[in-house]
Structure formats: structure tokens, C-alpha cells
């Protein structure tokens, strides 16, 4: 297992948080996704083989912009 953090831009309400959470949980290998409106951040627990590109693409498909945080 590994942890990851994403910056998510474009969220304005709890509905946005729900959409991003659902999108991230839909990525195979995501074990936990906590998305916070304040600060626009997603904290994830992943299986080791999950690609960051898959996470970013899932957020983009939901209509938001994401980047990996260090």
C-alpha cells in the first residue's frame, strides 16, 4: 500500500466533493479516498500498482483538474 495526495481544482460544493470521491474510488486499486473541499485536496490509500495518471484522468473525467502533491 502507498499514500498519495492530489490537489483538485474547480470544486465549489459538497456535490463536487462527492463526484470527485466517486471518480477516485472507481479507479481499480484505490482503497480509500478522502476529498476535502477546503484546500481542494484528496488524500488516497492505494495499492502499489496504481498509476498517478489513472487518478488524474478519473478526476478530469468527473469535470475537475488535478495534480499530484508532494
N, C-alpha and C. Protein backbone atom coordinates (compact mmCIF):
# COMPACT_ATOMS: atom_id res chain seq x y z
N UNK A 1 0.84 -1.18 0.00
CA UNK A 1 0.00 0.00 0.00
C UNK A 1 0.89 1.24 0.00
N UNK A 2 0.34 2.30 -0.60
CA UNK A 2 1.04 3.58 -0.60
C UNK A 2 0.02 4.69 -0.46
N UNK A 3 0.50 5.86 -0.08
CA UNK A 3 -0.36 7.03 0.07
C UNK A 3 -0.05 8.01 -1.06
N UNK A 4 -1.07 8.79 -1.42
CA UNK A 4 -0.89 9.83 -2.42
C UNK A 4 -1.78 11.01 -2.05
N UNK A 5 -1.37 12.18 -2.50
CA UNK A 5 -2.17 13.39 -2.31
C UNK A 5 -2.31 14.10 -3.64
N UNK A 6 -3.52 14.56 -3.90
CA UNK A 6 -3.79 15.31 -5.11
C UNK A 6 -4.33 16.69 -4.76
N UNK A 7 -3.97 17.67 -5.53
CA UNK A 7 -4.64 18.98 -5.50
C UNK A 7 -5.76 18.89 -6.52
N UNK A 8 -6.95 19.31 -6.13
CA UNK A 8 -8.10 19.26 -7.03
C UNK A 8 -8.64 20.67 -7.17
N UNK A 9 -8.73 21.15 -8.40
CA UNK A 9 -9.23 22.49 -8.67
C UNK A 9 -10.62 22.42 -9.30
N UNK A 10 -11.44 23.41 -8.97
CA UNK A 10 -12.75 23.52 -9.58
C UNK A 10 -13.90 23.06 -8.69
N UNK A 11 -13.61 22.55 -7.51
CA UNK A 11 -14.68 22.12 -6.61
C UNK A 11 -15.26 23.33 -5.90
N UNK A 12 -16.61 23.41 -5.84
CA UNK A 12 -17.26 24.55 -5.21
C UNK A 12 -18.28 24.16 -4.15
N UNK A 13 -18.61 22.85 -4.04
CA UNK A 13 -19.65 22.44 -3.10
C UNK A 13 -19.46 20.97 -2.72
N UNK A 14 -20.28 20.50 -1.81
CA UNK A 14 -20.18 19.10 -1.38
C UNK A 14 -20.55 18.13 -2.51
N UNK A 15 -21.37 18.59 -3.45
CA UNK A 15 -21.67 17.76 -4.61
C UNK A 15 -20.43 17.50 -5.45
N UNK A 16 -19.58 18.51 -5.54
CA UNK A 16 -18.30 18.37 -6.25
C UNK A 16 -17.42 17.35 -5.53
N UNK A 17 -17.37 17.47 -4.20
CA UNK A 17 -16.58 16.53 -3.40
C UNK A 17 -17.06 15.11 -3.63
N UNK A 18 -18.36 14.92 -3.64
CA UNK A 18 -18.94 13.61 -3.87
C UNK A 18 -18.57 13.06 -5.25
N UNK A 19 -18.62 13.90 -6.27
CA UNK A 19 -18.29 13.47 -7.63
C UNK A 19 -16.82 13.06 -7.75
N UNK A 20 -15.93 13.83 -7.13
CA UNK A 20 -14.51 13.51 -7.18
C UNK A 20 -14.23 12.23 -6.39
N UNK A 21 -14.85 12.11 -5.23
CA UNK A 21 -14.66 10.90 -4.41
C UNK A 21 -15.10 9.66 -5.18
N UNK A 22 -16.27 9.74 -5.79
CA UNK A 22 -16.79 8.60 -6.56
C UNK A 22 -15.86 8.26 -7.72
N UNK A 23 -15.36 9.29 -8.40
CA UNK A 23 -14.45 9.05 -9.54
C UNK A 23 -13.17 8.36 -9.08
N UNK A 24 -12.61 8.82 -7.97
CA UNK A 24 -11.36 8.23 -7.47
C UNK A 24 -11.58 6.80 -6.97
N UNK A 25 -12.69 6.57 -6.28
CA UNK A 25 -12.97 5.22 -5.78
C UNK A 25 -13.25 4.25 -6.92
N UNK A 26 -13.58 4.79 -8.10
CA UNK A 26 -13.82 3.95 -9.26
C UNK A 26 -12.55 3.45 -9.93
N UNK A 27 -11.41 3.99 -9.53
CA UNK A 27 -10.13 3.55 -10.09
C UNK A 27 -9.71 2.27 -9.37
N UNK A 28 -9.43 1.24 -10.15
CA UNK A 28 -9.03 -0.03 -9.56
C UNK A 28 -7.76 0.14 -8.72
N UNK A 29 -7.79 -0.37 -7.51
CA UNK A 29 -6.64 -0.28 -6.62
C UNK A 29 -6.72 0.85 -5.61
N UNK A 30 -7.73 1.71 -5.72
CA UNK A 30 -7.92 2.76 -4.72
C UNK A 30 -8.65 2.14 -3.53
N UNK A 31 -8.02 2.15 -2.39
CA UNK A 31 -8.59 1.55 -1.19
C UNK A 31 -9.33 2.58 -0.34
N UNK A 32 -8.89 3.83 -0.42
CA UNK A 32 -9.55 4.89 0.35
C UNK A 32 -9.32 6.21 -0.36
N UNK A 33 -10.35 7.04 -0.38
CA UNK A 33 -10.25 8.37 -0.98
C UNK A 33 -10.97 9.36 -0.07
N UNK A 34 -10.23 10.29 0.50
CA UNK A 34 -10.80 11.35 1.32
C UNK A 34 -10.59 12.66 0.59
N UNK A 35 -11.68 13.29 0.18
CA UNK A 35 -11.63 14.53 -0.59
C UNK A 35 -12.16 15.67 0.28
N UNK A 36 -11.39 16.76 0.36
CA UNK A 36 -11.77 17.90 1.18
C UNK A 36 -11.98 19.13 0.32
N UNK A 37 -13.11 19.76 0.51
CA UNK A 37 -13.42 20.98 -0.22
C UNK A 37 -12.46 22.10 0.19
N UNK A 38 -12.30 22.27 1.50
CA UNK A 38 -11.35 23.27 2.00
C UNK A 38 -9.94 22.84 1.63
N UNK A 39 -9.26 23.65 0.90
CA UNK A 39 -7.90 23.32 0.49
C UNK A 39 -7.84 22.55 -0.82
N UNK A 40 -8.98 22.03 -1.30
CA UNK A 40 -9.01 21.32 -2.58
C UNK A 40 -8.03 20.18 -2.66
N UNK A 41 -8.13 19.27 -1.70
CA UNK A 41 -7.16 18.18 -1.62
C UNK A 41 -7.84 16.82 -1.52
N UNK A 42 -7.21 15.83 -2.13
CA UNK A 42 -7.64 14.44 -1.99
C UNK A 42 -6.48 13.65 -1.41
N UNK A 43 -6.76 12.89 -0.36
CA UNK A 43 -5.77 12.01 0.26
C UNK A 43 -6.20 10.59 -0.03
N UNK A 44 -5.27 9.79 -0.56
CA UNK A 44 -5.61 8.45 -1.04
C UNK A 44 -4.73 7.38 -0.41
N UNK A 45 -5.32 6.20 -0.25
CA UNK A 45 -4.58 4.99 0.09
C UNK A 45 -4.74 4.07 -1.10
N UNK A 46 -3.61 3.64 -1.66
CA UNK A 46 -3.61 2.90 -2.93
C UNK A 46 -2.84 1.61 -2.82
N UNK A 47 -3.20 0.67 -3.68
CA UNK A 47 -2.34 -0.48 -3.90
C UNK A 47 -1.10 0.03 -4.64
N UNK A 48 -0.02 -0.70 -4.53
CA UNK A 48 1.25 -0.22 -5.08
C UNK A 48 1.25 -0.01 -6.58
N UNK A 49 0.38 -0.70 -7.32
CA UNK A 49 0.44 -0.65 -8.78
C UNK A 49 -0.49 0.39 -9.41
N UNK A 50 -1.09 1.27 -8.63
CA UNK A 50 -1.98 2.29 -9.19
C UNK A 50 -1.13 3.42 -9.78
N UNK A 51 -1.40 3.74 -11.04
CA UNK A 51 -0.66 4.80 -11.73
C UNK A 51 -1.27 6.17 -11.42
N UNK A 52 -0.43 7.14 -11.17
CA UNK A 52 -0.91 8.51 -10.91
C UNK A 52 -1.72 9.03 -12.09
N UNK A 53 -1.34 8.65 -13.29
CA UNK A 53 -2.07 9.10 -14.48
C UNK A 53 -3.53 8.64 -14.45
N UNK A 54 -3.79 7.45 -13.92
CA UNK A 54 -5.16 6.95 -13.82
C UNK A 54 -5.98 7.78 -12.85
N UNK A 55 -5.36 8.20 -11.77
CA UNK A 55 -6.06 9.04 -10.79
C UNK A 55 -6.39 10.40 -11.39
N UNK A 56 -5.42 11.01 -12.05
CA UNK A 56 -5.64 12.32 -12.66
C UNK A 56 -6.71 12.25 -13.74
N UNK A 57 -6.69 11.19 -14.53
CA UNK A 57 -7.68 11.03 -15.60
C UNK A 57 -9.08 10.86 -15.02
N UNK A 58 -9.21 10.15 -13.91
CA UNK A 58 -10.52 9.95 -13.29
C UNK A 58 -11.09 11.28 -12.81
N UNK A 59 -10.26 12.11 -12.20
CA UNK A 59 -10.71 13.42 -11.74
C UNK A 59 -11.11 14.29 -12.93
N UNK A 60 -10.34 14.24 -13.99
CA UNK A 60 -10.66 15.03 -15.18
C UNK A 60 -11.96 14.57 -15.83
N UNK A 61 -12.21 13.26 -15.85
CA UNK A 61 -13.47 12.76 -16.40
C UNK A 61 -14.67 13.25 -15.58
N UNK A 62 -14.45 13.49 -14.30
CA UNK A 62 -15.52 14.00 -13.44
C UNK A 62 -15.72 15.51 -13.63
N UNK A 63 -14.83 16.15 -14.39
CA UNK A 63 -15.00 17.56 -14.70
C UNK A 63 -14.13 18.51 -13.91
N UNK A 64 -13.09 18.01 -13.29
CA UNK A 64 -12.21 18.83 -12.46
C UNK A 64 -10.77 18.67 -12.91
N UNK A 65 -9.90 19.49 -12.37
CA UNK A 65 -8.49 19.43 -12.70
C UNK A 65 -7.72 18.98 -11.47
N UNK A 66 -6.75 18.08 -11.66
CA UNK A 66 -5.98 17.59 -10.53
C UNK A 66 -4.50 17.56 -10.87
N UNK A 67 -3.69 17.63 -9.83
CA UNK A 67 -2.26 17.46 -9.94
C UNK A 67 -1.76 16.74 -8.70
N UNK A 68 -0.64 16.08 -8.83
CA UNK A 68 -0.07 15.33 -7.72
C UNK A 68 0.64 16.30 -6.78
N UNK A 69 0.38 16.15 -5.49
CA UNK A 69 1.07 16.96 -4.47
C UNK A 69 2.23 16.15 -3.91
N UNK A 70 3.28 16.85 -3.59
CA UNK A 70 4.44 16.18 -2.98
C UNK A 70 4.20 15.91 -1.51
